[in-house]
mmCIF file of all heavy atoms, coordinates in Angstrom:
data_MODEL
# 
_entry.id   MODEL 
# 
loop_
_atom_site.group_PDB 
_atom_site.id 
_atom_site.type_symbol 
_atom_site.label_atom_id 
_atom_site.label_alt_id 
_atom_site.label_comp_id 
_atom_site.label_asym_id 
_atom_site.label_entity_id 
_atom_site.label_seq_id 
_atom_site.pdbx_PDB_ins_code 
_atom_site.Cartn_x 
_atom_site.Cartn_y 
_atom_site.Cartn_z 
_atom_site.occupancy 
_atom_site.B_iso_or_equiv 
_atom_site.pdbx_formal_charge 
_atom_site.auth_seq_id 
_atom_site.auth_comp_id 
_atom_site.auth_asym_id 
_atom_site.auth_atom_id 
_atom_site.pdbx_PDB_model_num 
ATOM 1   N N   . ASP A 1 1  ? 167.255 85.530  91.401  1.00 0.00 ? 1  ASP A N   1 
ATOM 2   C CA  . ASP A 1 1  ? 168.213 86.598  91.712  1.00 0.00 ? 1  ASP A CA  1 
ATOM 3   C C   . ASP A 1 1  ? 169.437 86.504  90.809  1.00 0.00 ? 1  ASP A C   1 
ATOM 4   O O   . ASP A 1 1  ? 169.943 87.515  90.323  1.00 0.00 ? 1  ASP A O   1 
ATOM 5   C CB  . ASP A 1 1  ? 168.659 86.514  93.185  1.00 0.00 ? 1  ASP A CB  1 
ATOM 6   C CG  . ASP A 1 1  ? 167.610 87.056  94.147  1.00 0.00 ? 1  ASP A CG  1 
ATOM 7   O OD1 . ASP A 1 1  ? 166.643 87.695  93.680  1.00 0.00 ? 1  ASP A OD1 1 
ATOM 8   O OD2 . ASP A 1 1  ? 167.749 86.830  95.367  1.00 0.00 ? 1  ASP A OD2 1 
ATOM 9   N N   . TYR A 1 2  ? 169.904 85.273  90.595  1.00 0.00 ? 2  TYR A N   1 
ATOM 10  C CA  . TYR A 1 2  ? 171.073 85.070  89.730  1.00 0.00 ? 2  TYR A CA  1 
ATOM 11  C C   . TYR A 1 2  ? 170.803 85.615  88.324  1.00 0.00 ? 2  TYR A C   1 
ATOM 12  O O   . TYR A 1 2  ? 171.608 86.361  87.758  1.00 0.00 ? 2  TYR A O   1 
ATOM 13  C CB  . TYR A 1 2  ? 171.436 83.574  89.652  1.00 0.00 ? 2  TYR A CB  1 
ATOM 14  C CG  . TYR A 1 2  ? 172.470 83.291  88.592  1.00 0.00 ? 2  TYR A CG  1 
ATOM 15  C CD1 . TYR A 1 2  ? 173.826 83.508  88.835  1.00 0.00 ? 2  TYR A CD1 1 
ATOM 16  C CD2 . TYR A 1 2  ? 172.091 82.853  87.319  1.00 0.00 ? 2  TYR A CD2 1 
ATOM 17  C CE1 . TYR A 1 2  ? 174.779 83.286  87.847  1.00 0.00 ? 2  TYR A CE1 1 
ATOM 18  C CE2 . TYR A 1 2  ? 173.032 82.629  86.330  1.00 0.00 ? 2  TYR A CE2 1 
ATOM 19  C CZ  . TYR A 1 2  ? 174.373 82.855  86.602  1.00 0.00 ? 2  TYR A CZ  1 
ATOM 20  O OH  . TYR A 1 2  ? 175.305 82.646  85.603  1.00 0.00 ? 2  TYR A OH  1 
ATOM 21  N N   . LEU A 1 3  ? 169.648 85.249  87.756  1.00 0.00 ? 3  LEU A N   1 
ATOM 22  C CA  . LEU A 1 3  ? 169.314 85.696  86.393  1.00 0.00 ? 3  LEU A CA  1 
ATOM 23  C C   . LEU A 1 3  ? 169.232 87.217  86.327  1.00 0.00 ? 3  LEU A C   1 
ATOM 24  O O   . LEU A 1 3  ? 169.676 87.831  85.363  1.00 0.00 ? 3  LEU A O   1 
ATOM 25  C CB  . LEU A 1 3  ? 167.974 85.089  85.952  1.00 0.00 ? 3  LEU A CB  1 
ATOM 26  C CG  . LEU A 1 3  ? 167.974 83.569  85.715  1.00 0.00 ? 3  LEU A CG  1 
ATOM 27  C CD1 . LEU A 1 3  ? 166.552 83.074  85.483  1.00 0.00 ? 3  LEU A CD1 1 
ATOM 28  C CD2 . LEU A 1 3  ? 168.869 83.182  84.537  1.00 0.00 ? 3  LEU A CD2 1 
ATOM 29  N N   . ASP A 1 4  ? 168.674 87.817  87.378  1.00 0.00 ? 4  ASP A N   1 
ATOM 30  C CA  . ASP A 1 4  ? 168.520 89.272  87.379  1.00 0.00 ? 4  ASP A CA  1 
ATOM 31  C C   . ASP A 1 4  ? 169.879 89.969  87.431  1.00 0.00 ? 4  ASP A C   1 
ATOM 32  O O   . ASP A 1 4  ? 170.082 90.998  86.794  1.00 0.00 ? 4  ASP A O   1 
ATOM 33  C CB  . ASP A 1 4  ? 167.660 89.705  88.576  1.00 0.00 ? 4  ASP A CB  1 
ATOM 34  C CG  . ASP A 1 4  ? 167.016 91.069  88.371  1.00 0.00 ? 4  ASP A CG  1 
ATOM 35  O OD1 . ASP A 1 4  ? 166.678 91.405  87.215  1.00 0.00 ? 4  ASP A OD1 1 
ATOM 36  O OD2 . ASP A 1 4  ? 166.846 91.792  89.358  1.00 0.00 ? 4  ASP A OD2 1 
ATOM 37  N N   . GLU A 1 5  ? 170.808 89.375  88.183  1.00 0.00 ? 5  GLU A N   1 
ATOM 38  C CA  . GLU A 1 5  ? 172.129 89.991  88.335  1.00 0.00 ? 5  GLU A CA  1 
ATOM 39  C C   . GLU A 1 5  ? 173.065 89.669  87.177  1.00 0.00 ? 5  GLU A C   1 
ATOM 40  O O   . GLU A 1 5  ? 173.897 90.499  86.790  1.00 0.00 ? 5  GLU A O   1 
ATOM 41  C CB  . GLU A 1 5  ? 172.767 89.525  89.653  1.00 0.00 ? 5  GLU A CB  1 
ATOM 42  C CG  . GLU A 1 5  ? 172.074 90.100  90.885  1.00 0.00 ? 5  GLU A CG  1 
ATOM 43  C CD  . GLU A 1 5  ? 172.548 89.455  92.181  1.00 0.00 ? 5  GLU A CD  1 
ATOM 44  O OE1 . GLU A 1 5  ? 173.599 88.789  92.158  1.00 0.00 ? 5  GLU A OE1 1 
ATOM 45  O OE2 . GLU A 1 5  ? 171.863 89.620  93.201  1.00 0.00 ? 5  GLU A OE2 1 
ATOM 46  N N   . ALA A 1 6  ? 172.955 88.456  86.645  1.00 0.00 ? 6  ALA A N   1 
ATOM 47  C CA  . ALA A 1 6  ? 173.941 87.991  85.652  1.00 0.00 ? 6  ALA A CA  1 
ATOM 48  C C   . ALA A 1 6  ? 173.622 88.453  84.232  1.00 0.00 ? 6  ALA A C   1 
ATOM 49  O O   . ALA A 1 6  ? 174.504 88.451  83.377  1.00 0.00 ? 6  ALA A O   1 
ATOM 50  C CB  . ALA A 1 6  ? 174.035 86.465  85.693  1.00 0.00 ? 6  ALA A CB  1 
ATOM 51  N N   . PHE A 1 7  ? 172.374 88.834  83.982  1.00 0.00 ? 7  PHE A N   1 
ATOM 52  C CA  . PHE A 1 7  ? 171.978 89.169  82.611  1.00 0.00 ? 7  PHE A CA  1 
ATOM 53  C C   . PHE A 1 7  ? 171.538 90.631  82.516  1.00 0.00 ? 7  PHE A C   1 
ATOM 54  O O   . PHE A 1 7  ? 170.959 91.176  83.449  1.00 0.00 ? 7  PHE A O   1 
ATOM 55  C CB  . PHE A 1 7  ? 170.853 88.238  82.141  1.00 0.00 ? 7  PHE A CB  1 
ATOM 56  C CG  . PHE A 1 7  ? 171.344 86.839  81.880  1.00 0.00 ? 7  PHE A CG  1 
ATOM 57  C CD1 . PHE A 1 7  ? 171.419 85.922  82.920  1.00 0.00 ? 7  PHE A CD1 1 
ATOM 58  C CD2 . PHE A 1 7  ? 171.766 86.458  80.618  1.00 0.00 ? 7  PHE A CD2 1 
ATOM 59  C CE1 . PHE A 1 7  ? 171.891 84.635  82.701  1.00 0.00 ? 7  PHE A CE1 1 
ATOM 60  C CE2 . PHE A 1 7  ? 172.239 85.175  80.386  1.00 0.00 ? 7  PHE A CE2 1 
ATOM 61  C CZ  . PHE A 1 7  ? 172.309 84.262  81.423  1.00 0.00 ? 7  PHE A CZ  1 
ATOM 62  N N   . PRO A 1 8  ? 171.824 91.228  81.358  1.00 0.00 ? 8  PRO A N   1 
ATOM 63  C CA  . PRO A 1 8  ? 171.452 92.640  81.167  1.00 0.00 ? 8  PRO A CA  1 
ATOM 64  C C   . PRO A 1 8  ? 169.944 92.802  80.986  1.00 0.00 ? 8  PRO A C   1 
ATOM 65  O O   . PRO A 1 8  ? 169.190 91.841  81.076  1.00 0.00 ? 8  PRO A O   1 
ATOM 66  C CB  . PRO A 1 8  ? 172.204 93.027  79.890  1.00 0.00 ? 8  PRO A CB  1 
ATOM 67  C CG  . PRO A 1 8  ? 172.363 91.743  79.137  1.00 0.00 ? 8  PRO A CG  1 
ATOM 68  C CD  . PRO A 1 8  ? 172.493 90.666  80.176  1.00 0.00 ? 8  PRO A CD  1 
ATOM 69  N N   . GLY A 1 9  ? 169.542 94.022  80.677  1.00 0.00 ? 9  GLY A N   1 
ATOM 70  C CA  . GLY A 1 9  ? 168.115 94.287  80.463  1.00 0.00 ? 9  GLY A CA  1 
ATOM 71  C C   . GLY A 1 9  ? 167.475 94.767  81.743  1.00 0.00 ? 9  GLY A C   1 
ATOM 72  O O   . GLY A 1 9  ? 168.135 95.086  82.727  1.00 0.00 ? 9  GLY A O   1 
ATOM 73  N N   . LYS A 1 10 ? 166.157 94.799  81.712  1.00 0.00 ? 10 LYS A N   1 
ATOM 74  C CA  . LYS A 1 10 ? 165.364 95.321  82.827  1.00 0.00 ? 10 LYS A CA  1 
ATOM 75  C C   . LYS A 1 10 ? 165.715 94.613  84.139  1.00 0.00 ? 10 LYS A C   1 
ATOM 76  O O   . LYS A 1 10 ? 165.726 93.377  84.213  1.00 0.00 ? 10 LYS A O   1 
ATOM 77  C CB  . LYS A 1 10 ? 163.884 95.071  82.479  1.00 0.00 ? 10 LYS A CB  1 
ATOM 78  C CG  . LYS A 1 10 ? 162.906 95.429  83.563  1.00 0.00 ? 10 LYS A CG  1 
ATOM 79  C CD  . LYS A 1 10 ? 161.505 94.958  83.155  1.00 0.00 ? 10 LYS A CD  1 
ATOM 80  C CE  . LYS A 1 10 ? 160.540 95.149  84.311  1.00 0.00 ? 10 LYS A CE  1 
ATOM 81  N NZ  . LYS A 1 10 ? 159.258 94.521  84.071  1.00 0.00 ? 10 LYS A NZ  1 
ATOM 82  N N   . LYS A 1 11 ? 166.035 95.388  85.170  1.00 0.00 ? 11 LYS A N   1 
ATOM 83  C CA  . LYS A 1 11 ? 166.291 94.804  86.486  1.00 0.00 ? 11 LYS A CA  1 
ATOM 84  C C   . LYS A 1 11 ? 164.958 94.604  87.207  1.00 0.00 ? 11 LYS A C   1 
ATOM 85  O O   . LYS A 1 11 ? 164.150 95.526  87.295  1.00 0.00 ? 11 LYS A O   1 
ATOM 86  C CB  . LYS A 1 11 ? 167.189 95.719  87.331  1.00 0.00 ? 11 LYS A CB  1 
ATOM 87  C CG  . LYS A 1 11 ? 168.642 95.759  86.854  1.00 0.00 ? 11 LYS A CG  1 
ATOM 88  C CD  . LYS A 1 11 ? 169.342 94.434  87.092  1.00 0.00 ? 11 LYS A CD  1 
ATOM 89  C CE  . LYS A 1 11 ? 170.758 94.432  86.552  1.00 0.00 ? 11 LYS A CE  1 
ATOM 90  N NZ  . LYS A 1 11 ? 171.203 93.097  86.135  1.00 0.00 ? 11 LYS A NZ  1 
ATOM 91  N N   . LEU A 1 12 ? 164.744 93.394  87.690  1.00 0.00 ? 12 LEU A N   1 
ATOM 92  C CA  . LEU A 1 12 ? 163.478 93.077  88.350  1.00 0.00 ? 12 LEU A CA  1 
ATOM 93  C C   . LEU A 1 12 ? 163.524 93.361  89.846  1.00 0.00 ? 12 LEU A C   1 
ATOM 94  O O   . LEU A 1 12 ? 162.507 93.599  90.476  1.00 0.00 ? 12 LEU A O   1 
ATOM 95  C CB  . LEU A 1 12 ? 163.116 91.608  88.103  1.00 0.00 ? 12 LEU A CB  1 
ATOM 96  C CG  . LEU A 1 12 ? 162.855 91.268  86.627  1.00 0.00 ? 12 LEU A CG  1 
ATOM 97  C CD1 . LEU A 1 12 ? 162.690 89.774  86.450  1.00 0.00 ? 12 LEU A CD1 1 
ATOM 98  C CD2 . LEU A 1 12 ? 161.637 92.011  86.098  1.00 0.00 ? 12 LEU A CD2 1 
ATOM 99  N N   . MET A 1 13 ? 164.728 93.306  90.424  1.00 0.00 ? 13 MET A N   1 
ATOM 100 C CA  . MET A 1 13 ? 164.884 93.677  91.836  1.00 0.00 ? 13 MET A CA  1 
ATOM 101 C C   . MET A 1 13 ? 165.115 95.180  91.913  1.00 0.00 ? 13 MET A C   1 
ATOM 102 O O   . MET A 1 13 ? 165.845 95.739  91.085  1.00 0.00 ? 13 MET A O   1 
ATOM 103 C CB  . MET A 1 13 ? 166.061 92.941  92.471  1.00 0.00 ? 13 MET A CB  1 
ATOM 104 C CG  . MET A 1 13 ? 165.700 91.580  93.033  1.00 0.00 ? 13 MET A CG  1 
ATOM 105 S SD  . MET A 1 13 ? 164.409 91.609  94.295  1.00 0.00 ? 13 MET A SD  1 
ATOM 106 C CE  . MET A 1 13 ? 165.376 91.295  95.764  1.00 0.00 ? 13 MET A CE  1 
ATOM 107 N N   . PRO A 1 14 ? 164.511 95.866  92.891  1.00 0.00 ? 14 PRO A N   1 
ATOM 108 C CA  . PRO A 1 14 ? 164.702 97.314  92.995  1.00 0.00 ? 14 PRO A CA  1 
ATOM 109 C C   . PRO A 1 14 ? 166.156 97.659  93.350  1.00 0.00 ? 14 PRO A C   1 
ATOM 110 O O   . PRO A 1 14 ? 166.861 96.853  93.952  1.00 0.00 ? 14 PRO A O   1 
ATOM 111 C CB  . PRO A 1 14 ? 163.773 97.725  94.138  1.00 0.00 ? 14 PRO A CB  1 
ATOM 112 C CG  . PRO A 1 14 ? 163.070 96.498  94.594  1.00 0.00 ? 14 PRO A CG  1 
ATOM 113 C CD  . PRO A 1 14 ? 163.664 95.314  93.947  1.00 0.00 ? 14 PRO A CD  1 
ATOM 114 N N   . SER A 1 15 ? 166.582 98.854  92.977  1.00 0.00 ? 15 SER A N   1 
ATOM 115 C CA  . SER A 1 15 ? 167.950 99.286  93.311  1.00 0.00 ? 15 SER A CA  1 
ATOM 116 C C   . SER A 1 15 ? 168.022 99.805  94.743  1.00 0.00 ? 15 SER A C   1 
ATOM 117 O O   . SER A 1 15 ? 169.070 99.754  95.381  1.00 0.00 ? 15 SER A O   1 
ATOM 118 C CB  . SER A 1 15 ? 168.425 100.359 92.329  1.00 0.00 ? 15 SER A CB  1 
ATOM 119 O OG  . SER A 1 15 ? 167.504 101.438 92.332  1.00 0.00 ? 15 SER A OG  1 
ATOM 120 N N   . ASP A 1 16 ? 166.897 100.298 95.270  1.00 0.00 ? 16 ASP A N   1 
ATOM 121 C CA  . ASP A 1 16 ? 166.872 100.839 96.630  1.00 0.00 ? 16 ASP A CA  1 
ATOM 122 C C   . ASP A 1 16 ? 167.026 99.716  97.659  1.00 0.00 ? 16 ASP A C   1 
ATOM 123 O O   . ASP A 1 16 ? 166.278 98.720  97.614  1.00 0.00 ? 16 ASP A O   1 
ATOM 124 C CB  . ASP A 1 16 ? 165.537 101.560 96.855  1.00 0.00 ? 16 ASP A CB  1 
ATOM 125 C CG  . ASP A 1 16 ? 165.436 102.120 98.261  1.00 0.00 ? 16 ASP A CG  1 
ATOM 126 O OD1 . ASP A 1 16 ? 166.052 103.165 98.506  1.00 0.00 ? 16 ASP A OD1 1 
ATOM 127 O OD2 . ASP A 1 16 ? 164.770 101.489 99.111  1.00 0.00 ? 16 ASP A OD2 1 
ATOM 128 N N   . PRO A 1 17 ? 168.000 99.835  98.602  1.00 0.00 ? 17 PRO A N   1 
ATOM 129 C CA  . PRO A 1 17 ? 168.243 98.749  99.560  1.00 0.00 ? 17 PRO A CA  1 
ATOM 130 C C   . PRO A 1 17 ? 167.017 98.390  100.403 1.00 0.00 ? 17 PRO A C   1 
ATOM 131 O O   . PRO A 1 17 ? 166.760 97.208  100.659 1.00 0.00 ? 17 PRO A O   1 
ATOM 132 C CB  . PRO A 1 17 ? 169.372 99.291  100.444 1.00 0.00 ? 17 PRO A CB  1 
ATOM 133 C CG  . PRO A 1 17 ? 170.053 100.321 99.600  1.00 0.00 ? 17 PRO A CG  1 
ATOM 134 C CD  . PRO A 1 17 ? 168.993 100.922 98.729  1.00 0.00 ? 17 PRO A CD  1 
ATOM 135 N N   . TYR A 1 18 ? 166.239 99.407  100.827 1.00 0.00 ? 18 TYR A N   1 
ATOM 136 C CA  . TYR A 1 18 ? 165.056 99.080  101.631 1.00 0.00 ? 18 TYR A CA  1 
ATOM 137 C C   . TYR A 1 18 ? 164.033 98.308  100.795 1.00 0.00 ? 18 TYR A C   1 
ATOM 138 O O   . TYR A 1 18 ? 163.436 97.330  101.269 1.00 0.00 ? 18 TYR A O   1 
ATOM 139 C CB  . TYR A 1 18 ? 164.379 100.324 102.228 1.00 0.00 ? 18 TYR A CB  1 
ATOM 140 C CG  . TYR A 1 18 ? 163.066 99.920  102.864 1.00 0.00 ? 18 TYR A CG  1 
ATOM 141 C CD1 . TYR A 1 18 ? 163.049 99.220  104.070 1.00 0.00 ? 18 TYR A CD1 1 
ATOM 142 C CD2 . TYR A 1 18 ? 161.844 100.139 102.208 1.00 0.00 ? 18 TYR A CD2 1 
ATOM 143 C CE1 . TYR A 1 18 ? 161.858 98.763  104.618 1.00 0.00 ? 18 TYR A CE1 1 
ATOM 144 C CE2 . TYR A 1 18 ? 160.658 99.683  102.750 1.00 0.00 ? 18 TYR A CE2 1 
ATOM 145 C CZ  . TYR A 1 18 ? 160.667 98.997  103.958 1.00 0.00 ? 18 TYR A CZ  1 
ATOM 146 O OH  . TYR A 1 18 ? 159.489 98.520  104.486 1.00 0.00 ? 18 TYR A OH  1 
ATOM 147 N N   . GLU A 1 19 ? 163.819 98.746  99.555  1.00 0.00 ? 19 GLU A N   1 
ATOM 148 C CA  . GLU A 1 19 ? 162.830 98.080  98.697  1.00 0.00 ? 19 GLU A CA  1 
ATOM 149 C C   . GLU A 1 19 ? 163.234 96.631  98.417  1.00 0.00 ? 19 GLU A C   1 
ATOM 150 O O   . GLU A 1 19 ? 162.390 95.740  98.352  1.00 0.00 ? 19 GLU A O   1 
ATOM 151 C CB  . GLU A 1 19 ? 162.626 98.854  97.388  1.00 0.00 ? 19 GLU A CB  1 
ATOM 152 C CG  . GLU A 1 19 ? 161.834 100.143 97.568  1.00 0.00 ? 19 GLU A CG  1 
ATOM 153 C CD  . GLU A 1 19 ? 160.416 99.914  98.089  1.00 0.00 ? 19 GLU A CD  1 
ATOM 154 O OE1 . GLU A 1 19 ? 159.752 98.967  97.647  1.00 0.00 ? 19 GLU A OE1 1 
ATOM 155 O OE2 . GLU A 1 19 ? 159.966 100.691 98.959  1.00 0.00 ? 19 GLU A OE2 1 
ATOM 156 N N   . ARG A 1 20 ? 164.549 96.413  98.255  1.00 0.00 ? 20 ARG A N   1 
ATOM 157 C CA  . ARG A 1 20 ? 165.036 95.037  98.067  1.00 0.00 ? 20 ARG A CA  1 
ATOM 158 C C   . ARG A 1 20 ? 164.743 94.212  99.318  1.00 0.00 ? 20 ARG A C   1 
ATOM 159 O O   . ARG A 1 20 ? 164.276 93.072  99.227  1.00 0.00 ? 20 ARG A O   1 
ATOM 160 C CB  . ARG A 1 20 ? 166.546 95.024  97.777  1.00 0.00 ? 20 ARG A CB  1 
ATOM 161 C CG  . ARG A 1 20 ? 166.885 95.247  96.326  1.00 0.00 ? 20 ARG A CG  1 
ATOM 162 C CD  . ARG A 1 20 ? 168.214 94.625  95.933  1.00 0.00 ? 20 ARG A CD  1 
ATOM 163 N NE  . ARG A 1 20 ? 169.328 95.048  96.778  1.00 0.00 ? 20 ARG A NE  1 
ATOM 164 C CZ  . ARG A 1 20 ? 169.984 96.185  96.635  1.00 0.00 ? 20 ARG A CZ  1 
ATOM 165 N NH1 . ARG A 1 20 ? 169.644 97.035  95.686  1.00 0.00 ? 20 ARG A NH1 1 
ATOM 166 N NH2 . ARG A 1 20 ? 170.993 96.490  97.433  1.00 0.00 ? 20 ARG A NH2 1 
ATOM 167 N N   . ALA A 1 21 ? 165.030 94.797  100.481 1.00 0.00 ? 21 ALA A N   1 
ATOM 168 C CA  . ALA A 1 21 ? 164.764 94.103  101.750 1.00 0.00 ? 21 ALA A CA  1 
ATOM 169 C C   . ALA A 1 21 ? 163.270 93.825  101.909 1.00 0.00 ? 21 ALA A C   1 
ATOM 170 O O   . ALA A 1 21 ? 162.866 92.736  102.336 1.00 0.00 ? 21 ALA A O   1 
ATOM 171 C CB  . ALA A 1 21 ? 165.281 94.935  102.914 1.00 0.00 ? 21 ALA A CB  1 
ATOM 172 N N   . PHE A 1 22 ? 162.444 94.812  101.545 1.00 0.00 ? 22 PHE A N   1 
ATOM 173 C CA  . PHE A 1 22 ? 160.984 94.652  101.637 1.00 0.00 ? 22 PHE A CA  1 
ATOM 174 C C   . PHE A 1 22 ? 160.526 93.442  100.812 1.00 0.00 ? 22 PHE A C   1 
ATOM 175 O O   . PHE A 1 22 ? 159.724 92.627  101.268 1.00 0.00 ? 22 PHE A O   1 
ATOM 176 C CB  . PHE A 1 22 ? 160.286 95.927  101.142 1.00 0.00 ? 22 PHE A CB  1 
ATOM 177 C CG  . PHE A 1 22 ? 158.819 95.735  100.869 1.00 0.00 ? 22 PHE A CG  1 
ATOM 178 C CD1 . PHE A 1 22 ? 157.897 95.690  101.908 1.00 0.00 ? 22 PHE A CD1 1 
ATOM 179 C CD2 . PHE A 1 22 ? 158.364 95.556  99.560  1.00 0.00 ? 22 PHE A CD2 1 
ATOM 180 C CE1 . PHE A 1 22 ? 156.543 95.476  101.655 1.00 0.00 ? 22 PHE A CE1 1 
ATOM 181 C CE2 . PHE A 1 22 ? 157.018 95.338  99.308  1.00 0.00 ? 22 PHE A CE2 1 
ATOM 182 C CZ  . PHE A 1 22 ? 156.101 95.301  100.349 1.00 0.00 ? 22 PHE A CZ  1 
ATOM 183 N N   . GLN A 1 23 ? 161.045 93.324  99.581  1.00 0.00 ? 23 GLN A N   1 
ATOM 184 C CA  . GLN A 1 23 ? 160.635 92.205  98.715  1.00 0.00 ? 23 GLN A CA  1 
ATOM 185 C C   . GLN A 1 23 ? 161.055 90.865  99.318  1.00 0.00 ? 23 GLN A C   1 
ATOM 186 O O   . GLN A 1 23 ? 160.312 89.887  99.262  1.00 0.00 ? 23 GLN A O   1 
ATOM 187 C CB  . GLN A 1 23 ? 161.204 92.385  97.309  1.00 0.00 ? 23 GLN A CB  1 
ATOM 188 C CG  . GLN A 1 23 ? 160.626 93.596  96.597  1.00 0.00 ? 23 GLN A CG  1 
ATOM 189 C CD  . GLN A 1 23 ? 160.520 93.448  95.089  1.00 0.00 ? 23 GLN A CD  1 
ATOM 190 O OE1 . GLN A 1 23 ? 160.857 92.421  94.501  1.00 0.00 ? 23 GLN A OE1 1 
ATOM 191 N NE2 . GLN A 1 23 ? 160.029 94.482  94.441  1.00 0.00 ? 23 GLN A NE2 1 
ATOM 192 N N   . LYS A 1 24 ? 162.244 90.839  99.928  1.00 0.00 ? 24 LYS A N   1 
ATOM 193 C CA  . LYS A 1 24 ? 162.713 89.590  100.533 1.00 0.00 ? 24 LYS A CA  1 
ATOM 194 C C   . LYS A 1 24 ? 161.888 89.229  101.767 1.00 0.00 ? 24 LYS A C   1 
ATOM 195 O O   . LYS A 1 24 ? 161.596 88.050  102.009 1.00 0.00 ? 24 LYS A O   1 
ATOM 196 C CB  . LYS A 1 24 ? 164.204 89.694  100.874 1.00 0.00 ? 24 LYS A CB  1 
ATOM 197 C CG  . LYS A 1 24 ? 165.075 89.679  99.618  1.00 0.00 ? 24 LYS A CG  1 
ATOM 198 C CD  . LYS A 1 24 ? 166.547 89.877  99.922  1.00 0.00 ? 24 LYS A CD  1 
ATOM 199 C CE  . LYS A 1 24 ? 167.354 89.847  98.626  1.00 0.00 ? 24 LYS A CE  1 
ATOM 200 N NZ  . LYS A 1 24 ? 168.789 90.082  98.859  1.00 0.00 ? 24 LYS A NZ  1 
ATOM 201 N N   . MET A 1 25 ? 161.509 90.238  102.547 1.00 0.00 ? 25 MET A N   1 
ATOM 202 C CA  . MET A 1 25 ? 160.663 89.979  103.720 1.00 0.00 ? 25 MET A CA  1 
ATOM 203 C C   . MET A 1 25 ? 159.285 89.473  103.296 1.00 0.00 ? 25 MET A C   1 
ATOM 204 O O   . MET A 1 25 ? 158.741 88.532  103.895 1.00 0.00 ? 25 MET A O   1 
ATOM 205 C CB  . MET A 1 25 ? 160.528 91.246  104.573 1.00 0.00 ? 25 MET A CB  1 
ATOM 206 C CG  . MET A 1 25 ? 161.808 91.632  105.293 1.00 0.00 ? 25 MET A CG  1 
ATOM 207 S SD  . MET A 1 25 ? 161.601 93.026  106.447 1.00 0.00 ? 25 MET A SD  1 
ATOM 208 C CE  . MET A 1 25 ? 161.280 94.413  105.346 1.00 0.00 ? 25 MET A CE  1 
ATOM 209 N N   . LEU A 1 26 ? 158.741 90.082  102.251 1.00 0.00 ? 26 LEU A N   1 
ATOM 210 C CA  . LEU A 1 26 ? 157.421 89.667  101.761 1.00 0.00 ? 26 LEU A CA  1 
ATOM 211 C C   . LEU A 1 26 ? 157.477 88.225  101.245 1.00 0.00 ? 26 LEU A C   1 
ATOM 212 O O   . LEU A 1 26 ? 156.559 87.426  101.495 1.00 0.00 ? 26 LEU A O   1 
ATOM 213 C CB  . LEU A 1 26 ? 156.962 90.617  100.639 1.00 0.00 ? 26 LEU A CB  1 
ATOM 214 C CG  . LEU A 1 26 ? 155.533 90.449  100.134 1.00 0.00 ? 26 LEU A CG  1 
ATOM 215 C CD1 . LEU A 1 26 ? 154.520 90.492  101.274 1.00 0.00 ? 26 LEU A CD1 1 
ATOM 216 C CD2 . LEU A 1 26 ? 155.198 91.522  99.107  1.00 0.00 ? 26 LEU A CD2 1 
# 
């Protein structure tokens, strides 16, 4: 999560709050 937030380029976590929550639940 840190790498995804701290560095530019393609975001690997979705921007949609539900989709982010879904990935964390999975």
